[in-house]
C-alpha atoms as a PDB file:
ATOM      1  CA  UNK A   1     -24.849 -33.869  -8.994  1.00  0.00           C
ATOM      2  CA  UNK A   2     -26.306 -30.766  -7.363  1.00  0.00           C
ATOM      3  CA  UNK A   3     -30.051 -30.268  -7.652  1.00  0.00           C
ATOM      4  CA  UNK A   4     -31.240 -26.884  -8.881  1.00  0.00           C
ATOM      5  CA  UNK A   5     -34.852 -27.278  -7.833  1.00  0.00           C
ATOM      6  CA  UNK A   6     -36.935 -29.598  -5.692  1.00  0.00           C
ATOM      7  CA  UNK A   7     -40.656 -29.845  -6.472  1.00  0.00           C
ATOM      8  CA  UNK A   8     -42.830 -30.727  -3.459  1.00  0.00           C
ATOM      9  CA  UNK A   9     -46.109 -32.502  -4.252  1.00  0.00           C
ATOM     10  CA  UNK A  10     -48.371 -33.169  -1.254  1.00  0.00           C
ATOM     11  CA  UNK A  11     -50.900 -35.821  -2.266  1.00  0.00           C
ATOM     12  CA  UNK A  12     -54.039 -37.371  -0.834  1.00  0.00           C
ATOM     13  CA  UNK A  13     -55.893 -39.810  -3.101  1.00  0.00           C
ATOM     14  CA  UNK A  14     -54.365 -38.407  -6.300  1.00  0.00           C
ATOM     15  CA  UNK A  15     -53.189 -41.619  -8.001  1.00  0.00           C
ATOM     16  CA  UNK A  16     -54.690 -40.773 -11.389  1.00  0.00           C
ATOM     17  CA  UNK A  17     -53.448 -37.178 -11.349  1.00  0.00           C
ATOM     18  CA  UNK A  18     -49.978 -37.366  -9.841  1.00  0.00           C
ATOM     19  CA  UNK A  19     -48.433 -39.722 -12.414  1.00  0.00           C
ATOM     20  CA  UNK A  20     -49.217 -37.611 -15.513  1.00  0.00           C
ATOM     21  CA  UNK A  21     -48.374 -34.503 -13.482  1.00  0.00           C
ATOM     22  CA  UNK A  22     -44.889 -35.870 -12.792  1.00  0.00           C
ATOM     23  CA  UNK A  23     -44.399 -36.407 -16.543  1.00  0.00           C
ATOM     24  CA  UNK A  24     -45.342 -32.793 -17.265  1.00  0.00           C
ATOM     25  CA  UNK A  25     -43.066 -31.490 -14.513  1.00  0.00           C
ATOM     26  CA  UNK A  26     -40.150 -33.450 -15.973  1.00  0.00           C
ATOM     27  CA  UNK A  27     -40.857 -31.892 -19.370  1.00  0.00           C
ATOM     28  CA  UNK A  28     -41.201 -28.360 -17.997  1.00  0.00           C
ATOM     29  CA  UNK A  29     -37.957 -28.629 -15.999  1.00  0.00           C
ATOM     30  CA  UNK A  30     -35.937 -30.562 -18.559  1.00  0.00           C
ATOM     31  CA  UNK A  31     -33.341 -27.780 -18.683  1.00  0.00           C
ATOM     32  CA  UNK A  32     -32.716 -27.977 -14.918  1.00  0.00           C
ATOM     33  CA  UNK A  33     -31.363 -30.627 -12.566  1.00  0.00           C
ATOM     34  CA  UNK A  34     -34.470 -31.372 -10.535  1.00  0.00           C
ATOM     35  CA  UNK A  35     -36.121 -33.783  -8.164  1.00  0.00           C
ATOM     36  CA  UNK A  36     -39.767 -34.395  -7.307  1.00  0.00           C
ATOM     37  CA  UNK A  37     -40.821 -35.276  -3.776  1.00  0.00           C
ATOM     38  CA  UNK A  38     -44.313 -36.707  -3.307  1.00  0.00           C
ATOM     39  CA  UNK A  39     -45.715 -36.808   0.217  1.00  0.00           C
ATOM     40  CA  UNK A  40     -48.533 -39.361   0.302  1.00  0.00           C
ATOM     41  CA  UNK A  41     -50.661 -38.492   3.326  1.00  0.00           C
ATOM     42  CA  UNK A  42     -52.333 -41.838   4.001  1.00  0.00           C
ATOM     43  CA  UNK A  43     -54.092 -42.146   0.626  1.00  0.00           C
ATOM     44  CA  UNK A  44     -56.553 -45.010   0.286  1.00  0.00           C
ATOM     45  CA  UNK A  45     -56.589 -45.134  -3.529  1.00  0.00           C
ATOM     46  CA  UNK A  46     -53.166 -46.684  -4.119  1.00  0.00           C
ATOM     47  CA  UNK A  47     -51.267 -43.451  -4.791  1.00  0.00           C
ATOM     48  CA  UNK A  48     -48.125 -44.742  -3.063  1.00  0.00           C
ATOM     49  CA  UNK A  49     -48.244 -48.131  -4.800  1.00  0.00           C
ATOM     50  CA  UNK A  50     -48.583 -46.481  -8.214  1.00  0.00           C
ATOM     51  CA  UNK A  51     -45.525 -44.323  -7.543  1.00  0.00           C
ATOM     52  CA  UNK A  52     -43.499 -47.317  -6.334  1.00  0.00           C
ATOM     53  CA  UNK A  53     -44.325 -49.192  -9.541  1.00  0.00           C
ATOM     54  CA  UNK A  54     -43.157 -46.264 -11.639  1.00  0.00           C
ATOM     55  CA  UNK A  55     -39.516 -46.608 -10.468  1.00  0.00           C
ATOM     56  CA  UNK A  56     -38.517 -43.044 -11.344  1.00  0.00           C
ATOM     57  CA  UNK A  57     -35.113 -42.248  -9.822  1.00  0.00           C
ATOM     58  CA  UNK A  58     -35.897 -38.520  -9.826  1.00  0.00           C
ATOM     59  CA  UNK A  59     -38.976 -39.074  -7.669  1.00  0.00           C
ATOM     60  CA  UNK A  60     -38.824 -39.565  -3.914  1.00  0.00           C
ATOM     61  CA  UNK A  61     -41.904 -40.926  -2.156  1.00  0.00           C
ATOM     62  CA  UNK A  62     -42.606 -40.082   1.481  1.00  0.00           C
ATOM     63  CA  UNK A  63     -45.437 -42.044   3.085  1.00  0.00           C
ATOM     64  CA  UNK A  64     -46.731 -40.475   6.286  1.00  0.00           C
ATOM     65  CA  UNK A  65     -47.306 -42.757   9.267  1.00  0.00           C
ATOM     66  CA  UNK A  66     -50.531 -40.892  10.106  1.00  0.00           C
ATOM     67  CA  UNK A  67     -52.629 -38.129   8.561  1.00  0.00           C
ATOM     68  CA  UNK A  68     -50.555 -34.954   8.810  1.00  0.00           C
ATOM     69  CA  UNK A  69     -52.574 -32.472   6.791  1.00  0.00           C
ATOM     70  CA  UNK A  70     -51.322 -30.230   4.012  1.00  0.00           C
ATOM     71  CA  UNK A  71     -49.041 -27.904   5.977  1.00  0.00           C
ATOM     72  CA  UNK A  72     -47.110 -30.617   7.797  1.00  0.00           C
ATOM     73  CA  UNK A  73     -46.866 -32.732   4.636  1.00  0.00           C
ATOM     74  CA  UNK A  74     -45.222 -29.826   2.831  1.00  0.00           C
ATOM     75  CA  UNK A  75     -42.776 -29.377   5.681  1.00  0.00           C
ATOM     76  CA  UNK A  76     -41.838 -33.061   5.471  1.00  0.00           C
ATOM     77  CA  UNK A  77     -41.060 -32.570   1.788  1.00  0.00           C
ATOM     78  CA  UNK A  78     -39.023 -29.430   2.389  1.00  0.00           C
ATOM     79  CA  UNK A  79     -36.927 -31.193   5.021  1.00  0.00           C
ATOM     80  CA  UNK A  80     -36.097 -33.972   2.540  1.00  0.00           C
ATOM     81  CA  UNK A  81     -35.427 -31.625  -0.407  1.00  0.00           C
ATOM     82  CA  UNK A  82     -31.905 -31.116  -1.800  1.00  0.00           C
ATOM     83  CA  UNK A  83     -32.581 -28.323  -4.296  1.00  0.00           C
ATOM     84  CA  UNK A  84     -31.242 -24.792  -4.159  1.00  0.00           C
ATOM     85  CA  UNK A  85     -34.809 -23.664  -4.879  1.00  0.00           C
ATOM     86  CA  UNK A  86     -38.025 -25.193  -3.535  1.00  0.00           C
ATOM     87  CA  UNK A  87     -41.283 -25.341  -5.492  1.00  0.00           C
ATOM     88  CA  UNK A  88     -44.566 -26.299  -3.863  1.00  0.00           C
ATOM     89  CA  UNK A  89     -47.570 -27.183  -6.002  1.00  0.00           C
ATOM     90  CA  UNK A  90     -50.789 -29.196  -5.817  1.00  0.00           C
ATOM     91  CA  UNK A  91     -50.989 -32.728  -7.205  1.00  0.00           C
ATOM     92  CA  UNK A  92     -54.264 -32.303  -9.115  1.00  0.00           C
ATOM     93  CA  UNK A  93     -53.267 -29.930 -11.971  1.00  0.00           C
ATOM     94  CA  UNK A  94     -54.779 -26.831 -10.311  1.00  0.00           C
ATOM     95  CA  UNK A  95     -51.204 -25.537 -10.460  1.00  0.00           C
ATOM     96  CA  UNK A  96     -50.037 -25.796 -14.043  1.00  0.00           C
ATOM     97  CA  UNK A  97     -46.495 -27.068 -14.737  1.00  0.00           C
ATOM     98  CA  UNK A  98     -46.186 -24.706 -17.715  1.00  0.00           C
ATOM     99  CA  UNK A  99     -45.306 -21.909 -15.287  1.00  0.00           C
ATOM    100  CA  UNK A 100     -42.257 -23.708 -13.893  1.00  0.00           C
ATOM    101  CA  UNK A 101     -39.687 -22.459 -16.452  1.00  0.00           C
ATOM    102  CA  UNK A 102     -40.797 -18.860 -15.816  1.00  0.00           C
ATOM    103  CA  UNK A 103     -40.526 -19.425 -12.057  1.00  0.00           C
ATOM    104  CA  UNK A 104     -36.990 -20.759 -12.403  1.00  0.00           C
ATOM    105  CA  UNK A 105     -36.038 -17.793 -14.570  1.00  0.00           C
ATOM    106  CA  UNK A 106     -37.417 -15.410 -11.958  1.00  0.00           C
ATOM    107  CA  UNK A 107     -35.005 -16.829  -9.388  1.00  0.00           C
ATOM    108  CA  UNK A 108     -32.127 -15.210 -11.255  1.00  0.00           C
ATOM    109  CA  UNK A 109     -33.399 -11.908  -9.827  1.00  0.00           C
ATOM    110  CA  UNK A 110     -35.751 -12.728  -6.942  1.00  0.00           C
ATOM    111  CA  UNK A 111     -35.643 -14.766  -3.722  1.00  0.00           C
ATOM    112  CA  UNK A 112     -39.147 -16.080  -4.280  1.00  0.00           C
ATOM    113  CA  UNK A 113     -42.096 -15.979  -6.665  1.00  0.00           C
ATOM    114  CA  UNK A 114     -45.761 -16.552  -5.813  1.00  0.00           C
ATOM    115  CA  UNK A 115     -48.414 -17.391  -8.392  1.00  0.00           C
ATOM    116  CA  UNK A 116     -51.583 -15.324  -8.111  1.00  0.00           C
ATOM    117  CA  UNK A 117     -55.027 -15.957  -9.555  1.00  0.00           C
ATOM    118  CA  UNK A 118     -55.883 -12.312  -8.895  1.00  0.00           C
ATOM    119  CA  UNK A 119     -52.908 -10.522 -10.400  1.00  0.00           C
ATOM    120  CA  UNK A 120     -53.777  -9.031 -13.810  1.00  0.00           C
ATOM    121  CA  UNK A 121     -53.659 -11.904 -16.289  1.00  0.00           C
ATOM    122  CA  UNK A 122     -54.516 -14.608 -13.752  1.00  0.00           C
ATOM    123  CA  UNK A 123     -57.908 -16.153 -13.170  1.00  0.00           C
ATOM    124  CA  UNK A 124     -60.200 -19.101 -12.528  1.00  0.00           C
ATOM    125  CA  UNK A 125     -62.658 -20.813 -14.849  1.00  0.00           C
ATOM    126  CA  UNK A 126     -65.557 -20.516 -12.386  1.00  0.00           C
ATOM    127  CA  UNK A 127     -66.745 -16.920 -12.114  1.00  0.00           C
ATOM    128  CA  UNK A 128     -68.476 -17.671  -8.806  1.00  0.00           C
ATOM    129  CA  UNK A 129     -65.395 -19.247  -7.231  1.00  0.00           C
ATOM    130  CA  UNK A 130     -63.272 -16.421  -8.612  1.00  0.00           C
ATOM    131  CA  UNK A 131     -65.523 -13.875  -6.916  1.00  0.00           C
ATOM    132  CA  UNK A 132     -65.573 -15.713  -3.584  1.00  0.00           C
ATOM    133  CA  UNK A 133     -61.835 -16.399  -3.535  1.00  0.00           C
ATOM    134  CA  UNK A 134     -60.942 -12.866  -4.618  1.00  0.00           C
ATOM    135  CA  UNK A 135     -63.232 -11.349  -1.987  1.00  0.00           C
ATOM    136  CA  UNK A 136     -61.755 -13.535   0.718  1.00  0.00           C
ATOM    137  CA  UNK A 137     -58.215 -12.619  -0.294  1.00  0.00           C
ATOM    138  CA  UNK A 138     -59.079  -8.921  -0.101  1.00  0.00           C
ATOM    139  CA  UNK A 139     -60.182  -9.623   3.464  1.00  0.00           C
ATOM    140  CA  UNK A 140     -56.858 -11.365   4.165  1.00  0.00           C
ATOM    141  CA  UNK A 141     -54.909  -8.457   2.648  1.00  0.00           C
ATOM    142  CA  UNK A 142     -56.746  -6.055   4.947  1.00  0.00           C
ATOM    143  CA  UNK A 143     -56.340  -8.204   8.058  1.00  0.00           C
ATOM    144  CA  UNK A 144     -52.610  -8.742   7.508  1.00  0.00           C
ATOM    145  CA  UNK A 145     -51.861  -5.336   5.941  1.00  0.00           C
ATOM    146  CA  UNK A 146     -50.293  -7.121   2.999  1.00  0.00           C
ATOM    147  CA  UNK A 147     -49.782  -6.107  -0.654  1.00  0.00           C
ATOM    148  CA  UNK A 148     -49.927  -9.742  -1.777  1.00  0.00           C
ATOM    149  CA  UNK A 149     -53.068 -10.421  -3.801  1.00  0.00           C
ATOM    150  CA  UNK A 150     -53.355 -14.200  -3.337  1.00  0.00           C
ATOM    151  CA  UNK A 151     -52.503 -15.573   0.108  1.00  0.00           C
ATOM    152  CA  UNK A 152     -53.986 -19.053  -0.227  1.00  0.00           C
ATOM    153  CA  UNK A 153     -53.053 -20.376  -3.667  1.00  0.00           C
ATOM    154  CA  UNK A 154     -49.970 -22.252  -2.514  1.00  0.00           C
ATOM    155  CA  UNK A 155     -48.061 -22.344  -5.817  1.00  0.00           C
ATOM    156  CA  UNK A 156     -44.640 -20.786  -5.302  1.00  0.00           C
ATOM    157  CA  UNK A 157     -40.865 -21.059  -5.500  1.00  0.00           C
ATOM    158  CA  UNK A 158     -38.489 -19.906  -2.726  1.00  0.00           C
ATOM    159  CA  UNK A 159     -34.751 -20.095  -2.193  1.00  0.00           C
ATOM    160  CA  UNK A 160     -33.729 -22.727   0.329  1.00  0.00           C
ATOM    161  CA  UNK A 161     -31.550 -20.159   2.148  1.00  0.00           C
ATOM    162  CA  UNK A 162     -34.651 -18.037   2.819  1.00  0.00           C
ATOM    163  CA  UNK A 163     -36.787 -20.971   3.950  1.00  0.00           C
ATOM    164  CA  UNK A 164     -34.112 -22.086   6.398  1.00  0.00           C
ATOM    165  CA  UNK A 165     -34.398 -18.757   8.238  1.00  0.00           C
ATOM    166  CA  UNK A 166     -38.156 -19.055   8.803  1.00  0.00           C
ATOM    167  CA  UNK A 167     -39.933 -20.322  11.957  1.00  0.00           C
ATOM    168  CA  UNK A 168     -41.160 -23.605  10.465  1.00  0.00           C
ATOM    169  CA  UNK A 169     -43.233 -24.566  13.531  1.00  0.00           C
ATOM    170  CA  UNK A 170     -45.220 -21.340  13.219  1.00  0.00           C
ATOM    171  CA  UNK A 171     -45.946 -21.825   9.516  1.00  0.00           C
ATOM    172  CA  UNK A 172     -46.356 -25.400   8.379  1.00  0.00           C
ATOM    173  CA  UNK A 173     -49.491 -26.773   9.986  1.00  0.00           C
ATOM    174  CA  UNK A 174     -53.159 -26.727   9.053  1.00  0.00           C
ATOM    175  CA  UNK A 175     -54.251 -26.701   5.424  1.00  0.00           C
ATOM    176  CA  UNK A 176     -54.222 -23.886   2.861  1.00  0.00           C
ATOM    177  CA  UNK A 177     -53.951 -21.316   5.646  1.00  0.00           C
ATOM    178  CA  UNK A 178     -50.256 -22.253   6.021  1.00  0.00           C
ATOM    179  CA  UNK A 179     -49.605 -20.177   2.884  1.00  0.00           C
ATOM    180  CA  UNK A 180     -50.698 -16.864   4.406  1.00  0.00           C
ATOM    181  CA  UNK A 181     -48.353 -17.466   7.348  1.00  0.00           C
ATOM    182  CA  UNK A 182     -45.537 -18.366   4.964  1.00  0.00           C
ATOM    183  CA  UNK A 183     -46.029 -15.197   2.924  1.00  0.00           C
ATOM    184  CA  UNK A 184     -46.024 -13.053   6.075  1.00  0.00           C
ATOM    185  CA  UNK A 185     -42.755 -14.499   7.377  1.00  0.00           C
ATOM    186  CA  UNK A 186     -41.067 -14.531   3.957  1.00  0.00           C
ATOM    187  CA  UNK A 187     -41.859 -10.833   3.532  1.00  0.00           C
ATOM    188  CA  UNK A 188     -40.079 -10.257   6.827  1.00  0.00           C
ATOM    189  CA  UNK A 189     -36.907 -11.880   5.458  1.00  0.00           C
ATOM    190  CA  UNK A 190     -36.667 -10.418   1.969  1.00  0.00           C
ATOM    191  CA  UNK A 191     -38.327  -7.825  -0.240  1.00  0.00           C
ATOM    192  CA  UNK A 192     -37.053  -9.515  -3.416  1.00  0.00           C
ATOM    193  CA  UNK A 193     -40.370 -11.267  -4.058  1.00  0.00           C
ATOM    194  CA  UNK A 194     -42.396 -11.519  -7.246  1.00  0.00           C
ATOM    195  CA  UNK A 195     -46.121 -11.926  -7.708  1.00  0.00           C
ATOM    196  CA  UNK A 196     -47.025 -13.237 -11.140  1.00  0.00           C
ATOM    197  CA  UNK A 197     -50.380 -14.023 -12.776  1.00  0.00           C
ATOM    198  CA  UNK A 198     -51.462 -17.651 -13.104  1.00  0.00           C
ATOM    199  CA  UNK A 199     -54.603 -19.179 -14.541  1.00  0.00           C
ATOM    200  CA  UNK A 200     -55.932 -21.903 -12.280  1.00  0.00           C
ATOM    201  CA  UNK A 201     -55.799 -25.300 -13.969  1.00  0.00           C
ATOM    202  CA  UNK A 202     -58.511 -27.955 -14.000  1.00  0.00           C
ATOM    203  CA  UNK A 203     -58.521 -31.184 -12.030  1.00  0.00           C
ATOM    204  CA  UNK A 204     -58.338 -34.051 -14.542  1.00  0.00           C
ATOM    205  CA  UNK A 205     -59.511 -36.913 -12.358  1.00  0.00           C
ATOM    206  CA  UNK A 206     -61.478 -37.178  -9.147  1.00  0.00           C
ATOM    207  CA  UNK A 207     -63.414 -34.531  -7.303  1.00  0.00           C
ATOM    208  CA  UNK A 208     -62.082 -31.387  -5.663  1.00  0.00           C
ATOM    209  CA  UNK A 209     -63.092 -29.881  -2.338  1.00  0.00           C
ATOM    210  CA  UNK A 210     -66.928 -29.950  -2.143  1.00  0.00           C
ATOM    211  CA  UNK A 211     -67.001 -28.092   1.192  1.00  0.00           C
ATOM    212  CA  UNK A 212     -66.273 -24.569  -0.011  1.00  0.00           C
ATOM    213  CA  UNK A 213     -68.117 -22.701   2.732  1.00  0.00           C
ATOM    214  CA  UNK A 214     -66.667 -24.916   5.455  1.00  0.00           C
ATOM    215  CA  UNK A 215     -63.210 -24.200   4.061  1.00  0.00           C
ATOM    216  CA  UNK A 216     -63.802 -20.439   4.077  1.00  0.00           C
ATOM    217  CA  UNK A 217     -64.955 -20.580   7.702  1.00  0.00           C
ATOM    218  CA  UNK A 218     -61.866 -22.589   8.655  1.00  0.00           C
ATOM    219  CA  UNK A 219     -59.592 -20.111   6.860  1.00  0.00           C
ATOM    220  CA  UNK A 220     -61.374 -17.098   8.366  1.00  0.00           C
ATOM    221  CA  UNK A 221     -60.718 -18.450  11.855  1.00  0.00           C
ATOM    222  CA  UNK A 222     -57.060 -18.963  10.941  1.00  0.00           C
ATOM    223  CA  UNK A 223     -56.804 -15.386   9.618  1.00  0.00           C
ATOM    224  CA  UNK A 224     -58.296 -13.892  12.794  1.00  0.00           C
ATOM    225  CA  UNK A 225     -56.014 -16.017  14.986  1.00  0.00           C
ATOM    226  CA  UNK A 226     -52.876 -15.140  13.030  1.00  0.00           C
ATOM    227  CA  UNK A 227     -53.731 -11.438  12.730  1.00  0.00           C
ATOM    228  CA  UNK A 228     -54.252 -11.309  16.487  1.00  0.00           C
ATOM    229  CA  UNK A 229     -50.934 -13.032  17.075  1.00  0.00           C
ATOM    230  CA  UNK A 230     -48.848 -10.717  14.905  1.00  0.00           C
ATOM    231  CA  UNK A 231     -50.595  -7.605  16.236  1.00  0.00           C
ATOM    232  CA  UNK A 232     -49.880  -8.802  19.743  1.00  0.00           C
ATOM    233  CA  UNK A 233     -46.184  -9.134  18.851  1.00  0.00           C
ATOM    234  CA  UNK A 234     -46.221  -5.687  17.293  1.00  0.00           C
ATOM    235  CA  UNK A 235     -47.738  -4.036  20.385  1.00  0.00           C
ATOM    236  CA  UNK A 236     -45.199  -5.738  22.654  1.00  0.00           C
ATOM    237  CA  UNK A 237     -42.274  -4.581  20.512  1.00  0.00           C
ATOM    238  CA  UNK A 238     -43.522  -0.987  20.660  1.00  0.00           C
ATOM    239  CA  UNK A 239     -43.586  -0.830  24.462  1.00  0.00           C
END
């Protein structure tokens, strides 16, 4: 049977979150032939063992041989996926499964759809984090000359045929910064892209990233490096 959509779930120490998340994804996509691919990136909390015990034929588990990071884990999932459309989402409920039916419906018209916390109607529960993240994304928009309002959220759906045309080595490495590179290259392939508002969900178990400032510094370096790279290409092409 052909698979309409593959859902990629990169996971690191998300045992208590990923199992109920899989249940909610199954419910949200019950009208579509789907598969879920979990990439366990060397978790130490038994994430892989919990998934193996579940014995869900619609779930494929990939266990990395060494820590790969978020970007490379997502690529590993994409390369295993069989779906006509590819969804990428976090494994901690920050990306809410309730948006999945809308995303699938959007693919009747678009080649891709990106969730945005900063599109009218989207948002985050923490006003302080909302302000910091929004401000940083304005900086990214300016650096990359992009109309996209949220370059780092990482909750999206894209047609496989579009993904297959992208330079995977240039995109899928690092952590959340992979998403800004993906958006840049996808915009070069198709203008049939949708931004839609999404409210950030809440982690149910465990603790999220406590190193917010360190993350912003890491992403800022990635933005400067990537902006310099694409401007260098642009100047060469204009000679």
